[in-house]
Amino acid sequence: MNRPYELGFIIPSSISETETQSVIDTVRGWIEALNGAVTKVDYWGRRRLAYPIEDFREGYYVFVYMDFAPNRLGELENNLRLSDQVIRHLVIRLDEE
């Protein structure tokens, strides 16, 4: 049974803004490969970080709303953790409506 989740992640500022869409498509591909469904993508653009992360002071903020199986979250988070195109991520389960 899939549940609604919000995935927030930060793309490092070393990646150009034109290449951020390919990173978003990669993350979307991981979600769909694990039988999830992306319902909305909210791209905030380049923002200053609250504190430096891996010597980055800015990054591109992206929020993806998805329906995803809870037992597959570990695999998705592992992909995000191992990617050099994502410097931070957070998955939050949303209330079901």
C-alpha atoms as a PDB file:
ATOM      1  CA  MET A   1       0.000   0.000   0.000  1.00  0.00           C
ATOM      2  CA  ASN A   2       1.452   3.345  -1.038  1.00  0.00           C
ATOM      3  CA  ARG A   3       1.338   6.350   1.266  1.00  0.00           C
ATOM      4  CA  PRO A   4       1.859  10.049   0.574  1.00  0.00           C
ATOM      5  CA  TYR A   5       5.380  11.359   1.235  1.00  0.00           C
ATOM      6  CA  GLU A   6       7.311  14.552   0.696  1.00  0.00           C
ATOM      7  CA  LEU A   7      10.956  14.278  -0.332  1.00  0.00           C
ATOM      8  CA  GLY A   8      13.063  17.400   0.043  1.00  0.00           C
ATOM      9  CA  PHE A   9      16.598  17.436  -1.301  1.00  0.00           C
ATOM     10  CA  ILE A  10      19.374  19.909  -2.073  1.00  0.00           C
ATOM     11  CA  ILE A  11      21.418  19.804  -5.267  1.00  0.00           C
ATOM     12  CA  PRO A  12      24.927  21.305  -4.828  1.00  0.00           C
ATOM     13  CA  SER A  13      25.648  24.693  -6.393  1.00  0.00           C
ATOM     14  CA  SER A  14      28.541  23.181  -8.378  1.00  0.00           C
ATOM     15  CA  ILE A  15      25.914  21.789 -10.764  1.00  0.00           C
ATOM     16  CA  SER A  16      24.631  24.405 -13.218  1.00  0.00           C
ATOM     17  CA  GLU A  17      20.979  25.388 -13.095  1.00  0.00           C
ATOM     18  CA  THR A  18      20.387  23.923 -16.547  1.00  0.00           C
ATOM     19  CA  GLU A  19      21.621  20.514 -15.332  1.00  0.00           C
ATOM     20  CA  THR A  20      19.352  20.461 -12.260  1.00  0.00           C
ATOM     21  CA  GLN A  21      16.461  19.121 -14.334  1.00  0.00           C
ATOM     22  CA  SER A  22      18.472  16.007 -15.177  1.00  0.00           C
ATOM     23  CA  VAL A  23      19.107  15.437 -11.438  1.00  0.00           C
ATOM     24  CA  ILE A  24      15.380  15.816 -10.752  1.00  0.00           C
ATOM     25  CA  ASP A  25      14.625  13.354 -13.566  1.00  0.00           C
ATOM     26  CA  THR A  26      17.131  10.899 -12.063  1.00  0.00           C
ATOM     27  CA  VAL A  27      15.434  11.065  -8.647  1.00  0.00           C
ATOM     28  CA  ARG A  28      12.025  10.709 -10.319  1.00  0.00           C
ATOM     29  CA  GLY A  29      13.352   7.621 -12.119  1.00  0.00           C
ATOM     30  CA  TRP A  30      14.468   6.083  -8.822  1.00  0.00           C
ATOM     31  CA  ILE A  31      11.009   6.677  -7.344  1.00  0.00           C
ATOM     32  CA  GLU A  32       9.213   5.165 -10.336  1.00  0.00           C
ATOM     33  CA  ALA A  33      11.632   2.212 -10.511  1.00  0.00           C
ATOM     34  CA  LEU A  34      10.633   1.366  -6.933  1.00  0.00           C
ATOM     35  CA  ASN A  35       6.918   1.391  -7.906  1.00  0.00           C
ATOM     36  CA  GLY A  36       6.250   4.878  -6.568  1.00  0.00           C
ATOM     37  CA  ALA A  37       4.380   7.698  -8.252  1.00  0.00           C
ATOM     38  CA  VAL A  38       5.431  11.353  -8.331  1.00  0.00           C
ATOM     39  CA  THR A  39       2.410  13.602  -7.847  1.00  0.00           C
ATOM     40  CA  LYS A  40       4.104  17.029  -7.801  1.00  0.00           C
ATOM     41  CA  VAL A  41       7.579  18.581  -8.111  1.00  0.00           C
ATOM     42  CA  ASP A  42       8.196  21.941  -6.413  1.00  0.00           C
ATOM     43  CA  TYR A  43      11.471  23.543  -7.559  1.00  0.00           C
ATOM     44  CA  TRP A  44      12.544  26.442  -5.337  1.00  0.00           C
ATOM     45  CA  GLY A  45      15.751  27.256  -7.188  1.00  0.00           C
ATOM     46  CA  ARG A  46      19.083  28.417  -5.798  1.00  0.00           C
ATOM     47  CA  ARG A  47      19.040  29.397  -2.108  1.00  0.00           C
ATOM     48  CA  ARG A  48      21.596  30.148   0.550  1.00  0.00           C
ATOM     49  CA  LEU A  49      22.086  27.287   3.023  1.00  0.00           C
ATOM     50  CA  ALA A  50      21.623  27.895   6.744  1.00  0.00           C
ATOM     51  CA  TYR A  51      25.103  26.454   7.344  1.00  0.00           C
ATOM     52  CA  PRO A  52      27.872  25.162   5.043  1.00  0.00           C
ATOM     53  CA  ILE A  53      27.461  21.557   3.868  1.00  0.00           C
ATOM     54  CA  GLU A  54      30.550  19.953   2.331  1.00  0.00           C
ATOM     55  CA  ASP A  55      31.995  23.461   1.639  1.00  0.00           C
ATOM     56  CA  PHE A  56      28.817  24.534  -0.201  1.00  0.00           C
ATOM     57  CA  ARG A  57      27.086  27.720   0.914  1.00  0.00           C
ATOM     58  CA  GLU A  58      24.303  27.575  -1.701  1.00  0.00           C
ATOM     59  CA  GLY A  59      22.234  24.848  -3.299  1.00  0.00           C
ATOM     60  CA  TYR A  60      19.143  24.176  -5.399  1.00  0.00           C
ATOM     61  CA  TYR A  61      16.137  23.195  -3.279  1.00  0.00           C
ATOM     62  CA  VAL A  62      13.662  20.646  -4.700  1.00  0.00           C
ATOM     63  CA  PHE A  63      10.568  19.132  -3.079  1.00  0.00           C
ATOM     64  CA  VAL A  64       8.935  16.050  -4.592  1.00  0.00           C
ATOM     65  CA  TYR A  65       5.510  14.858  -3.476  1.00  0.00           C
ATOM     66  CA  MET A  66       4.988  11.172  -4.088  1.00  0.00           C
ATOM     67  CA  ASP A  67       2.937   8.090  -3.307  1.00  0.00           C
ATOM     68  CA  PHE A  68       5.397   5.471  -2.143  1.00  0.00           C
ATOM     69  CA  ALA A  69       5.505   2.126  -0.346  1.00  0.00           C
ATOM     70  CA  PRO A  70       6.941   2.433   3.189  1.00  0.00           C
ATOM     71  CA  ASN A  71       8.950  -0.787   2.884  1.00  0.00           C
ATOM     72  CA  ARG A  72      10.886   0.631  -0.122  1.00  0.00           C
ATOM     73  CA  LEU A  73      12.018   3.884   1.556  1.00  0.00           C
ATOM     74  CA  GLY A  74      15.350   2.390   2.599  1.00  0.00           C
ATOM     75  CA  GLU A  75      16.277   1.696  -1.020  1.00  0.00           C
ATOM     76  CA  LEU A  76      15.346   5.223  -2.116  1.00  0.00           C
ATOM     77  CA  GLU A  77      17.275   6.838   0.741  1.00  0.00           C
ATOM     78  CA  ASN A  78      20.282   4.645  -0.052  1.00  0.00           C
ATOM     79  CA  ASN A  79      20.257   5.904  -3.663  1.00  0.00           C
ATOM     80  CA  LEU A  80      20.053   9.506  -2.439  1.00  0.00           C
ATOM     81  CA  ARG A  81      22.817   9.006   0.124  1.00  0.00           C
ATOM     82  CA  LEU A  82      25.192   7.470  -2.437  1.00  0.00           C
ATOM     83  CA  SER A  83      24.531  10.107  -5.101  1.00  0.00           C
ATOM     84  CA  ASP A  84      27.099  12.872  -5.500  1.00  0.00           C
ATOM     85  CA  GLN A  85      24.359  15.087  -6.977  1.00  0.00           C
ATOM     86  CA  VAL A  86      22.395  15.360  -3.709  1.00  0.00           C
ATOM     87  CA  ILE A  87      24.045  16.863  -0.634  1.00  0.00           C
ATOM     88  CA  ARG A  88      21.087  16.566   1.775  1.00  0.00           C
ATOM     89  CA  HIS A  89      17.668  14.920   1.714  1.00  0.00           C
ATOM     90  CA  LEU A  90      14.717  14.374   4.006  1.00  0.00           C
ATOM     91  CA  VAL A  91      11.638  12.177   3.553  1.00  0.00           C
ATOM     92  CA  ILE A  92       8.486  13.057   5.514  1.00  0.00           C
ATOM     93  CA  ARG A  93       5.266  11.049   5.582  1.00  0.00           C
ATOM     94  CA  LEU A  94       2.257  13.286   4.971  1.00  0.00           C
ATOM     95  CA  ASP A  95      -1.144  12.897   6.576  1.00  0.00           C
ATOM     96  CA  GLU A  96      -3.533  10.890   4.463  1.00  0.00           C
ATOM     97  CA  GLU A  97      -6.538  12.887   3.354  1.00  0.00           C
END
